[in-house]
Amino acid sequence: MDVALAPSAALPGPISPELVLVSPPEVARLARGLLSSEPPAAIRAYAAPEREFGAVELTAVWFFSAAATVGPLLLLLLADRTG
Protein backbone atom coordinates (compact mmCIF):
# COMPACT_ATOMS: atom_id res chain seq x y z
CA MET A 1 0.00 0.00 0.00
CA ASP A 2 1.30 3.42 -0.89
CA VAL A 3 1.78 5.63 2.15
CA ALA A 4 0.43 8.69 0.34
CA LEU A 5 -2.89 6.88 -0.14
CA ALA A 6 -3.02 5.51 3.40
CA PRO A 7 -5.83 6.81 5.58
CA SER A 8 -5.05 8.70 8.76
CA ALA A 9 -5.76 5.50 10.72
CA ALA A 10 -2.65 3.99 9.12
CA LEU A 11 -0.46 6.13 11.33
CA PRO A 12 -0.24 4.48 14.76
CA GLY A 13 -0.24 7.74 16.69
CA PRO A 14 1.18 11.23 16.73
CA ILE A 15 4.39 11.64 14.80
CA SER A 16 7.15 13.70 16.34
CA PRO A 17 8.44 16.70 14.36
CA GLU A 18 11.86 15.08 14.18
CA LEU A 19 10.38 11.96 12.60
CA VAL A 20 8.49 14.06 10.04
CA LEU A 21 11.74 15.77 9.06
CA VAL A 22 13.46 12.49 8.23
CA SER A 23 10.41 10.71 6.80
CA PRO A 24 9.76 10.32 3.09
CA PRO A 25 7.85 13.26 1.59
CA GLU A 26 4.63 11.24 1.35
CA VAL A 27 4.60 10.48 5.08
CA ALA A 28 5.51 14.06 5.94
CA ARG A 29 2.67 15.37 3.77
CA LEU A 30 0.24 12.94 5.41
CA ALA A 31 1.40 13.97 8.91
CA ARG A 32 1.12 17.68 8.07
CA GLY A 33 -2.39 17.05 6.82
CA LEU A 34 -3.34 15.76 10.27
CA LEU A 35 -2.31 19.01 11.95
CA SER A 36 -4.96 21.54 12.86
CA SER A 37 -4.79 24.95 11.26
CA GLU A 38 -4.72 26.72 14.63
CA PRO A 39 -1.64 26.62 16.88
CA PRO A 40 -2.08 24.69 20.13
CA ALA A 41 -3.12 26.69 23.16
CA ALA A 42 -0.34 27.75 25.44
CA ILE A 43 -0.11 25.73 28.63
CA ARG A 44 0.15 27.95 31.66
CA ALA A 45 2.20 26.69 34.54
CA TYR A 46 1.01 27.54 38.02
CA ALA A 47 3.12 30.28 39.49
CA ALA A 48 2.92 30.71 43.22
CA PRO A 49 2.71 34.33 44.32
CA GLU A 50 6.03 35.65 45.52
CA ARG A 51 6.33 36.00 49.26
CA GLU A 52 7.71 39.23 50.58
CA PHE A 53 10.02 39.02 53.54
CA GLY A 54 9.20 40.91 56.69
CA ALA A 55 11.46 42.90 58.95
CA VAL A 56 12.27 39.91 61.17
CA GLU A 57 13.50 37.77 58.27
CA LEU A 58 15.55 40.59 56.76
CA THR A 59 17.10 41.40 60.15
CA ALA A 60 18.05 37.74 60.61
CA VAL A 61 19.71 37.67 57.18
CA TRP A 62 21.56 40.89 57.95
CA PHE A 63 22.88 39.54 61.28
CA PHE A 64 23.90 36.23 59.69
CA SER A 65 25.76 38.06 56.92
CA ALA A 66 27.53 40.31 59.41
CA ALA A 67 28.49 37.33 61.60
CA ALA A 68 29.76 35.39 58.60
CA THR A 69 31.96 38.36 57.67
CA VAL A 70 33.14 39.63 61.03
CA GLY A 71 33.37 36.27 62.84
CA PRO A 72 36.34 34.85 60.90
CA LEU A 73 38.08 38.24 61.08
CA LEU A 74 37.76 38.27 64.87
CA LEU A 75 39.05 34.69 65.07
CA LEU A 76 42.03 35.65 62.91
CA LEU A 77 42.84 38.62 65.13
CA LEU A 78 42.47 36.49 68.27
CA ALA A 79 44.75 33.80 66.85
CA ASP A 80 47.32 36.44 65.85
CA ARG A 81 47.47 37.88 69.40
CA THR A 82 47.88 34.51 71.10
CA GLY A 83 50.48 33.24 68.66
PDB file of N, CA and C in Angstrom:
ATOM      1  N   MET A   1       0.847  -1.181   0.000  1.00  0.00           N
ATOM      2  CA  MET A   1       0.000   0.000   0.000  1.00  0.00           C
ATOM      3  C   MET A   1       0.885   1.235   0.000  1.00  0.00           C
ATOM      4  N   ASP A   2       0.541   2.190  -0.813  1.00  0.00           N
ATOM      5  CA  ASP A   2       1.301   3.424  -0.893  1.00  0.00           C
ATOM      6  C   ASP A   2       0.965   4.280   0.327  1.00  0.00           C
ATOM      7  N   VAL A   3       1.994   4.843   0.949  1.00  0.00           N
ATOM      8  CA  VAL A   3       1.783   5.628   2.154  1.00  0.00           C
ATOM      9  C   VAL A   3       0.978   6.880   1.861  1.00  0.00           C
ATOM     10  N   ALA A   4       1.156   7.460   0.684  1.00  0.00           N
ATOM     11  CA  ALA A   4       0.432   8.686   0.344  1.00  0.00           C
ATOM     12  C   ALA A   4      -1.065   8.435   0.261  1.00  0.00           C
ATOM     13  N   LEU A   5      -1.464   7.198  -0.038  1.00  0.00           N
ATOM     14  CA  LEU A   5      -2.885   6.881  -0.140  1.00  0.00           C
ATOM     15  C   LEU A   5      -3.446   6.313   1.147  1.00  0.00           C
ATOM     16  N   ALA A   6      -2.588   6.116   2.145  1.00  0.00           N
ATOM     17  CA  ALA A   6      -3.020   5.514   3.401  1.00  0.00           C
ATOM     18  C   ALA A   6      -3.929   6.470   4.155  1.00  0.00           C
ATOM     19  N   PRO A   7      -4.967   5.943   4.770  1.00  0.00           N
ATOM     20  CA  PRO A   7      -5.831   6.814   5.577  1.00  0.00           C
ATOM     21  C   PRO A   7      -5.111   7.229   6.855  1.00  0.00           C
ATOM     22  N   SER A   8      -5.694   8.206   7.543  1.00  0.00           N
ATOM     23  CA  SER A   8      -5.051   8.696   8.757  1.00  0.00           C
ATOM     24  C   SER A   8      -4.972   7.622   9.836  1.00  0.00           C
ATOM     25  N   ALA A   9      -5.812   6.590   9.759  1.00  0.00           N
ATOM     26  CA  ALA A   9      -5.761   5.503  10.724  1.00  0.00           C
ATOM     27  C   ALA A   9      -4.521   4.636  10.518  1.00  0.00           C
ATOM     28  N   ALA A  10      -3.846   4.792   9.379  1.00  0.00           N
ATOM     29  CA  ALA A  10      -2.647   3.988   9.119  1.00  0.00           C
ATOM     30  C   ALA A  10      -1.489   4.425  10.000  1.00  0.00           C
ATOM     31  N   LEU A  11      -1.513   5.658  10.435  1.00  0.00           N
ATOM     32  CA  LEU A  11      -0.459   6.128  11.332  1.00  0.00           C
ATOM     33  C   LEU A  11      -0.826   5.680  12.749  1.00  0.00           C
ATOM     34  N   PRO A  12       0.095   5.046  13.449  1.00  0.00           N
ATOM     35  CA  PRO A  12      -0.239   4.484  14.763  1.00  0.00           C
ATOM     36  C   PRO A  12      -0.528   5.533  15.832  1.00  0.00           C
ATOM     37  N   GLY A  13      -0.034   6.709  15.688  1.00  0.00           N
ATOM     38  CA  GLY A  13      -0.245   7.742  16.691  1.00  0.00           C
ATOM     39  C   GLY A  13       0.404   9.027  16.225  1.00  0.00           C
ATOM     40  N   PRO A  14       0.547   9.977  17.114  1.00  0.00           N
ATOM     41  CA  PRO A  14       1.185  11.230  16.728  1.00  0.00           C
ATOM     42  C   PRO A  14       2.627  10.995  16.289  1.00  0.00           C
ATOM     43  N   ILE A  15       3.029  11.739  15.300  1.00  0.00           N
ATOM     44  CA  ILE A  15       4.395  11.636  14.795  1.00  0.00           C
ATOM     45  C   ILE A  15       5.160  12.846  15.294  1.00  0.00           C
ATOM     46  N   SER A  16       6.343  12.602  15.830  1.00  0.00           N
ATOM     47  CA  SER A  16       7.149  13.703  16.339  1.00  0.00           C
ATOM     48  C   SER A  16       7.660  14.556  15.179  1.00  0.00           C
ATOM     49  N   PRO A  17       7.915  15.842  15.423  1.00  0.00           N
ATOM     50  CA  PRO A  17       8.441  16.703  14.357  1.00  0.00           C
ATOM     51  C   PRO A  17       9.765  16.205  13.802  1.00  0.00           C
ATOM     52  N   GLU A  18      10.580  15.596  14.653  1.00  0.00           N
ATOM     53  CA  GLU A  18      11.859  15.083  14.175  1.00  0.00           C
ATOM     54  C   GLU A  18      11.652  13.938  13.194  1.00  0.00           C
ATOM     55  N   LEU A  19      10.667  13.089  13.475  1.00  0.00           N
ATOM     56  CA  LEU A  19      10.381  11.964  12.598  1.00  0.00           C
ATOM     57  C   LEU A  19       9.826  12.443  11.263  1.00  0.00           C
ATOM     58  N   VAL A  20       9.021  13.505  11.286  1.00  0.00           N
ATOM     59  CA  VAL A  20       8.489  14.055  10.037  1.00  0.00           C
ATOM     60  C   VAL A  20       9.622  14.618   9.188  1.00  0.00           C
ATOM     61  N   LEU A  21      10.631  15.199   9.825  1.00  0.00           N
ATOM     62  CA  LEU A  21      11.743  15.771   9.062  1.00  0.00           C
ATOM     63  C   LEU A  21      12.543  14.718   8.312  1.00  0.00           C
ATOM     64  N   VAL A  22      12.655  13.520   8.877  1.00  0.00           N
ATOM     65  CA  VAL A  22      13.460  12.487   8.230  1.00  0.00           C
ATOM     66  C   VAL A  22      12.605  11.469   7.476  1.00  0.00           C
ATOM     67  N   SER A  23      11.293  11.634   7.493  1.00  0.00           N
ATOM     68  CA  SER A  23      10.408  10.710   6.801  1.00  0.00           C
ATOM     69  C   SER A  23      10.390  11.013   5.309  1.00  0.00           C
ATOM     70  N   PRO A  24       9.944  10.051   4.515  1.00  0.00           N
ATOM     71  CA  PRO A  24       9.761  10.323   3.088  1.00  0.00           C
ATOM     72  C   PRO A  24       8.725  11.427   2.898  1.00  0.00           C
ATOM     73  N   PRO A  25       8.775  12.134   1.801  1.00  0.00           N
ATOM     74  CA  PRO A  25       7.851  13.259   1.588  1.00  0.00           C
ATOM     75  C   PRO A  25       6.378  12.871   1.686  1.00  0.00           C
ATOM     76  N   GLU A  26       6.037  11.656   1.289  1.00  0.00           N
ATOM     77  CA  GLU A  26       4.627  11.244   1.352  1.00  0.00           C
ATOM     78  C   GLU A  26       4.142  11.154   2.797  1.00  0.00           C
ATOM     79  N   VAL A  27       4.972  10.600   3.663  1.00  0.00           N
ATOM     80  CA  VAL A  27       4.602  10.477   5.082  1.00  0.00           C
ATOM     81  C   VAL A  27       4.550  11.852   5.722  1.00  0.00           C
ATOM     82  N   ALA A  28       5.498  12.704   5.381  1.00  0.00           N
ATOM     83  CA  ALA A  28       5.510  14.057   5.942  1.00  0.00           C
ATOM     84  C   ALA A  28       4.266  14.819   5.514  1.00  0.00           C
ATOM     85  N   ARG A  29       3.868  14.671   4.254  1.00  0.00           N
ATOM     86  CA  ARG A  29       2.670  15.367   3.771  1.00  0.00           C
ATOM     87  C   ARG A  29       1.438  14.843   4.492  1.00  0.00           C
ATOM     88  N   LEU A  30       1.373  13.529   4.700  1.00  0.00           N
ATOM     89  CA  LEU A  30       0.243  12.941   5.411  1.00  0.00           C
ATOM     90  C   LEU A  30       0.196  13.434   6.858  1.00  0.00           C
ATOM     91  N   ALA A  31       1.351  13.499   7.516  1.00  0.00           N
ATOM     92  CA  ALA A  31       1.399  13.967   8.909  1.00  0.00           C
ATOM     93  C   ALA A  31       1.029  15.439   9.000  1.00  0.00           C
ATOM     94  N   ARG A  32       1.494  16.251   8.050  1.00  0.00           N
ATOM     95  CA  ARG A  32       1.123  17.676   8.073  1.00  0.00           C
ATOM     96  C   ARG A  32      -0.369  17.855   7.820  1.00  0.00           C
ATOM     97  N   GLY A  33      -0.955  16.975   7.069  1.00  0.00           N
ATOM     98  CA  GLY A  33      -2.393  17.049   6.816  1.00  0.00           C
ATOM     99  C   GLY A  33      -3.210  16.775   8.071  1.00  0.00           C
ATOM    100  N   LEU A  34      -2.634  16.053   9.025  1.00  0.00           N
ATOM    101  CA  LEU A  34      -3.341  15.761  10.269  1.00  0.00           C
ATOM    102  C   LEU A  34      -3.292  16.907  11.271  1.00  0.00           C
ATOM    103  N   LEU A  35      -2.424  17.875  11.028  1.00  0.00           N
ATOM    104  CA  LEU A  35      -2.309  19.009  11.955  1.00  0.00           C
ATOM    105  C   LEU A  35      -3.501  19.926  11.824  1.00  0.00           C
ATOM    106  N   SER A  36      -3.890  20.544  12.920  1.00  0.00           N
ATOM    107  CA  SER A  36      -4.959  21.536  12.858  1.00  0.00           C
ATOM    108  C   SER A  36      -4.383  22.849  12.337  1.00  0.00           C
ATOM    109  N   SER A  37      -5.261  23.681  11.817  1.00  0.00           N
ATOM    110  CA  SER A  37      -4.795  24.950  11.256  1.00  0.00           C
ATOM    111  C   SER A  37      -4.437  25.959  12.345  1.00  0.00           C
ATOM    112  N   GLU A  38      -4.996  25.788  13.547  1.00  0.00           N
ATOM    113  CA  GLU A  38      -4.716  26.718  14.633  1.00  0.00           C
ATOM    114  C   GLU A  38      -3.568  26.191  15.492  1.00  0.00           C
ATOM    115  N   PRO A  39      -2.719  27.083  15.996  1.00  0.00           N
ATOM    116  CA  PRO A  39      -1.643  26.617  16.882  1.00  0.00           C
ATOM    117  C   PRO A  39      -2.235  26.116  18.197  1.00  0.00           C
ATOM    118  N   PRO A  40      -1.556  25.190  18.847  1.00  0.00           N
ATOM    119  CA  PRO A  40      -2.082  24.690  20.129  1.00  0.00           C
ATOM    120  C   PRO A  40      -2.087  25.797  21.178  1.00  0.00           C
ATOM    121  N   ALA A  41      -3.015  25.694  22.083  1.00  0.00           N
ATOM    122  CA  ALA A  41      -3.119  26.688  23.157  1.00  0.00           C
ATOM    123  C   ALA A  41      -1.912  26.589  24.071  1.00  0.00           C
ATOM    124  N   ALA A  42      -1.487  27.720  24.535  1.00  0.00           N
ATOM    125  CA  ALA A  42      -0.338  27.752  25.442  1.00  0.00           C
ATOM    126  C   ALA A  42      -0.734  27.145  26.787  1.00  0.00           C
ATOM    127  N   ILE A  43       0.131  26.329  27.327  1.00  0.00           N
ATOM    128  CA  ILE A  43      -0.107  25.728  28.627  1.00  0.00           C
ATOM    129  C   ILE A  43       0.493  26.642  29.688  1.00  0.00           C
ATOM    130  N   ARG A  44      -0.332  27.049  30.614  1.00  0.00           N
ATOM    131  CA  ARG A  44       0.146  27.947  31.662  1.00  0.00           C
ATOM    132  C   ARG A  44       0.534  27.131  32.883  1.00  0.00           C
ATOM    133  N   ALA A  45       1.730  27.350  33.325  1.00  0.00           N
ATOM    134  CA  ALA A  45       2.195  26.694  34.544  1.00  0.00           C
ATOM    135  C   ALA A  45       1.742  27.519  35.744  1.00  0.00           C
ATOM    136  N   TYR A  46       1.427  26.833  36.814  1.00  0.00           N
ATOM    137  CA  TYR A  46       1.009  27.537  38.017  1.00  0.00           C
ATOM    138  C   TYR A  46       2.206  28.233  38.637  1.00  0.00           C
ATOM    139  N   ALA A  47       2.065  29.503  38.855  1.00  0.00           N
ATOM    140  CA  ALA A  47       3.125  30.280  39.492  1.00  0.00           C
ATOM    141  C   ALA A  47       2.622  30.741  40.856  1.00  0.00           C
ATOM    142  N   ALA A  48       3.301  30.304  41.876  1.00  0.00           N
ATOM    143  CA  ALA A  48       2.920  30.706  43.224  1.00  0.00           C
ATOM    144  C   ALA A  48       3.256  32.182  43.417  1.00  0.00           C
ATOM    145  N   PRO A  49       2.402  32.909  44.083  1.00  0.00           N
ATOM    146  CA  PRO A  49       2.712  34.328  44.320  1.00  0.00           C
ATOM    147  C   PRO A  49       3.981  34.462  45.157  1.00  0.00           C
ATOM    148  N   GLU A  50       4.769  35.448  44.797  1.00  0.00           N
ATOM    149  CA  GLU A  50       6.025  35.647  45.519  1.00  0.00           C
ATOM    150  C   GLU A  50       5.747  36.157  46.929  1.00  0.00           C
ATOM    151  N   ARG A  51       6.492  35.608  47.869  1.00  0.00           N
ATOM    152  CA  ARG A  51       6.329  36.005  49.262  1.00  0.00           C
ATOM    153  C   ARG A  51       7.314  37.112  49.573  1.00  0.00           C
ATOM    154  N   GLU A  52       6.826  38.144  50.176  1.00  0.00           N
ATOM    155  CA  GLU A  52       7.706  39.233  50.578  1.00  0.00           C
ATOM    156  C   GLU A  52       8.181  38.974  51.997  1.00  0.00           C
ATOM    157  N   PHE A  53       9.448  39.248  52.225  1.00  0.00           N
ATOM    158  CA  PHE A  53      10.024  39.019  53.537  1.00  0.00           C
ATOM    159  C   PHE A  53       9.727  40.198  54.449  1.00  0.00           C
ATOM    160  N   GLY A  54       9.481  39.878  55.703  1.00  0.00           N
ATOM    161  CA  GLY A  54       9.198  40.906  56.689  1.00  0.00           C
ATOM    162  C   GLY A  54      10.478  41.408  57.328  1.00  0.00           C
ATOM    163  N   ALA A  55      10.313  42.283  58.282  1.00  0.00           N
ATOM    164  CA  ALA A  55      11.457  42.903  58.950  1.00  0.00           C
ATOM    165  C   ALA A  55      12.248  41.881  59.763  1.00  0.00           C
ATOM    166  N   VAL A  56      11.577  40.905  60.343  1.00  0.00           N
ATOM    167  CA  VAL A  56      12.271  39.914  61.169  1.00  0.00           C
ATOM    168  C   VAL A  56      13.188  39.056  60.294  1.00  0.00           C
ATOM    169  N   GLU A  57      12.682  38.607  59.157  1.00  0.00           N
ATOM    170  CA  GLU A  57      13.502  37.771  58.275  1.00  0.00           C
ATOM    171  C   GLU A  57      14.694  38.537  57.731  1.00  0.00           C
ATOM    172  N   LEU A  58      14.459  39.775  57.307  1.00  0.00           N
ATOM    173  CA  LEU A  58      15.553  40.586  56.765  1.00  0.00           C
ATOM    174  C   LEU A  58      16.600  40.920  57.826  1.00  0.00           C
ATOM    175  N   THR A  59      16.152  41.150  59.063  1.00  0.00           N
ATOM    176  CA  THR A  59      17.097  41.403  60.149  1.00  0.00           C
ATOM    177  C   THR A  59      17.940  40.164  60.435  1.00  0.00           C
ATOM    178  N   ALA A  60      17.317  38.987  60.388  1.00  0.00           N
ATOM    179  CA  ALA A  60      18.054  37.742  60.609  1.00  0.00           C
ATOM    180  C   ALA A  60      19.099  37.531  59.519  1.00  0.00           C
ATOM    181  N   VAL A  61      18.750  37.806  58.286  1.00  0.00           N
ATOM    182  CA  VAL A  61      19.712  37.670  57.182  1.00  0.00           C
ATOM    183  C   VAL A  61      20.850  38.668  57.361  1.00  0.00           C
ATOM    184  N   TRP A  62      20.525  39.866  57.766  1.00  0.00           N
ATOM    185  CA  TRP A  62      21.556  40.890  57.954  1.00  0.00           C
ATOM    186  C   TRP A  62      22.534  40.460  59.056  1.00  0.00           C
ATOM    187  N   PHE A  63      22.003  39.972  60.192  1.00  0.00           N
ATOM    188  CA  PHE A  63      22.881  39.535  61.278  1.00  0.00           C
ATOM    189  C   PHE A  63      23.725  38.326  60.873  1.00  0.00           C
ATOM    190  N   PHE A  64      23.145  37.390  60.141  1.00  0.00           N
ATOM    191  CA  PHE A  64      23.903  36.231  59.686  1.00  0.00           C
ATOM    192  C   PHE A  64      25.028  36.656  58.750  1.00  0.00           C
ATOM    193  N   SER A  65      24.731  37.582  57.842  1.00  0.00           N
ATOM    194  CA  SER A  65      25.764  38.060  56.915  1.00  0.00           C
ATOM    195  C   SER A  65      26.880  38.783  57.662  1.00  0.00           C
ATOM    196  N   ALA A  66      26.501  39.597  58.636  1.00  0.00           N
ATOM    197  CA  ALA A  66      27.527  40.312  59.409  1.00  0.00           C
ATOM    198  C   ALA A  66      28.372  39.336  60.220  1.00  0.00           C
ATOM    199  N   ALA A  67      27.741  38.317  60.821  1.00  0.00           N
ATOM    200  CA  ALA A  67      28.488  37.334  61.603  1.00  0.00           C
ATOM    201  C   ALA A  67      29.400  36.504  60.713  1.00  0.00           C
ATOM    202  N   ALA A  68      28.939  36.178  59.514  1.00  0.00           N
ATOM    203  CA  ALA A  68      29.764  35.395  58.597  1.00  0.00           C
ATOM    204  C   ALA A  68      30.961  36.196  58.104  1.00  0.00           C
ATOM    205  N   THR A  69      30.854  37.519  58.128  1.00  0.00           N
ATOM    206  CA  THR A  69      31.961  38.363  57.672  1.00  0.00           C
ATOM    207  C   THR A  69      32.902  38.722  58.818  1.00  0.00           C
ATOM    208  N   VAL A  70      32.332  39.138  59.922  1.00  0.00           N
ATOM    209  CA  VAL A  70      33.141  39.631  61.034  1.00  0.00           C
ATOM    210  C   VAL A  70      33.681  38.487  61.889  1.00  0.00           C
ATOM    211  N   GLY A  71      32.952  37.387  62.005  1.00  0.00           N
ATOM    212  CA  GLY A  71      33.372  36.268  62.843  1.00  0.00           C
ATOM    213  C   GLY A  71      34.747  35.724  62.484  1.00  0.00           C
ATOM    214  N   PRO A  72      34.997  35.340  61.244  1.00  0.00           N
ATOM    215  CA  PRO A  72      36.335  34.852  60.899  1.00  0.00           C
ATOM    216  C   PRO A  72      37.432  35.907  61.094  1.00  0.00           C
ATOM    217  N   LEU A  73      37.099  37.174  60.871  1.00  0.00           N
ATOM    218  CA  LEU A  73      38.076  38.243  61.076  1.00  0.00           C
ATOM    219  C   LEU A  73      38.455  38.334  62.549  1.00  0.00           C
ATOM    220  N   LEU A  74      37.469  38.242  63.434  1.00  0.00           N
ATOM    221  CA  LEU A  74      37.760  38.271  64.868  1.00  0.00           C
ATOM    222  C   LEU A  74      38.578  37.053  65.297  1.00  0.00           C
ATOM    223  N   LEU A  75      38.272  35.886  64.752  1.00  0.00           N
ATOM    224  CA  LEU A  75      39.048  34.691  65.073  1.00  0.00           C
ATOM    225  C   LEU A  75      40.485  34.820  64.584  1.00  0.00           C
ATOM    226  N   LEU A  76      40.685  35.434  63.439  1.00  0.00           N
ATOM    227  CA  LEU A  76      42.033  35.650  62.908  1.00  0.00           C
ATOM    228  C   LEU A  76      42.813  36.597  63.809  1.00  0.00           C
ATOM    229  N   LEU A  77      42.159  37.677  64.235  1.00  0.00           N
ATOM    230  CA  LEU A  77      42.842  38.620  65.134  1.00  0.00           C
ATOM    231  C   LEU A  77      43.149  37.988  66.485  1.00  0.00           C
ATOM    232  N   LEU A  78      42.243  37.177  66.998  1.00  0.00           N
ATOM    233  CA  LEU A  78      42.470  36.488  68.265  1.00  0.00           C
ATOM    234  C   LEU A  78      43.625  35.484  68.156  1.00  0.00           C
ATOM    235  N   ALA A  79      43.685  34.765  67.051  1.00  0.00           N
ATOM    236  CA  ALA A  79      44.754  33.803  66.850  1.00  0.00           C
ATOM    237  C   ALA A  79      46.090  34.511  66.675  1.00  0.00           C
ATOM    238  N   ASP A  80      46.085  35.681  66.076  1.00  0.00           N
ATOM    239  CA  ASP A  80      47.321  36.442  65.849  1.00  0.00           C
ATOM    240  C   ASP A  80      47.875  36.959  67.182  1.00  0.00           C
ATOM    241  N   ARG A  81      47.034  37.363  68.117  1.00  0.00           N
ATOM    242  CA  ARG A  81      47.466  37.883  69.404  1.00  0.00           C
ATOM    243  C   ARG A  81      48.021  36.784  70.306  1.00  0.00           C
ATOM    244  N   THR A  82      47.422  35.595  70.229  1.00  0.00           N
ATOM    245  CA  THR A  82      47.882  34.513  71.099  1.00  0.00           C
ATOM    246  C   THR A  82      49.107  33.813  70.540  1.00  0.00           C
ATOM    247  N   GLY A  83      49.350  33.951  69.264  1.00  0.00           N
ATOM    248  CA  GLY A  83      50.482  33.237  68.659  1.00  0.00           C
ATOM    249  C   GLY A  83      51.672  34.063  68.521  1.00  0.00           C
TER     250      GLY A  83
END
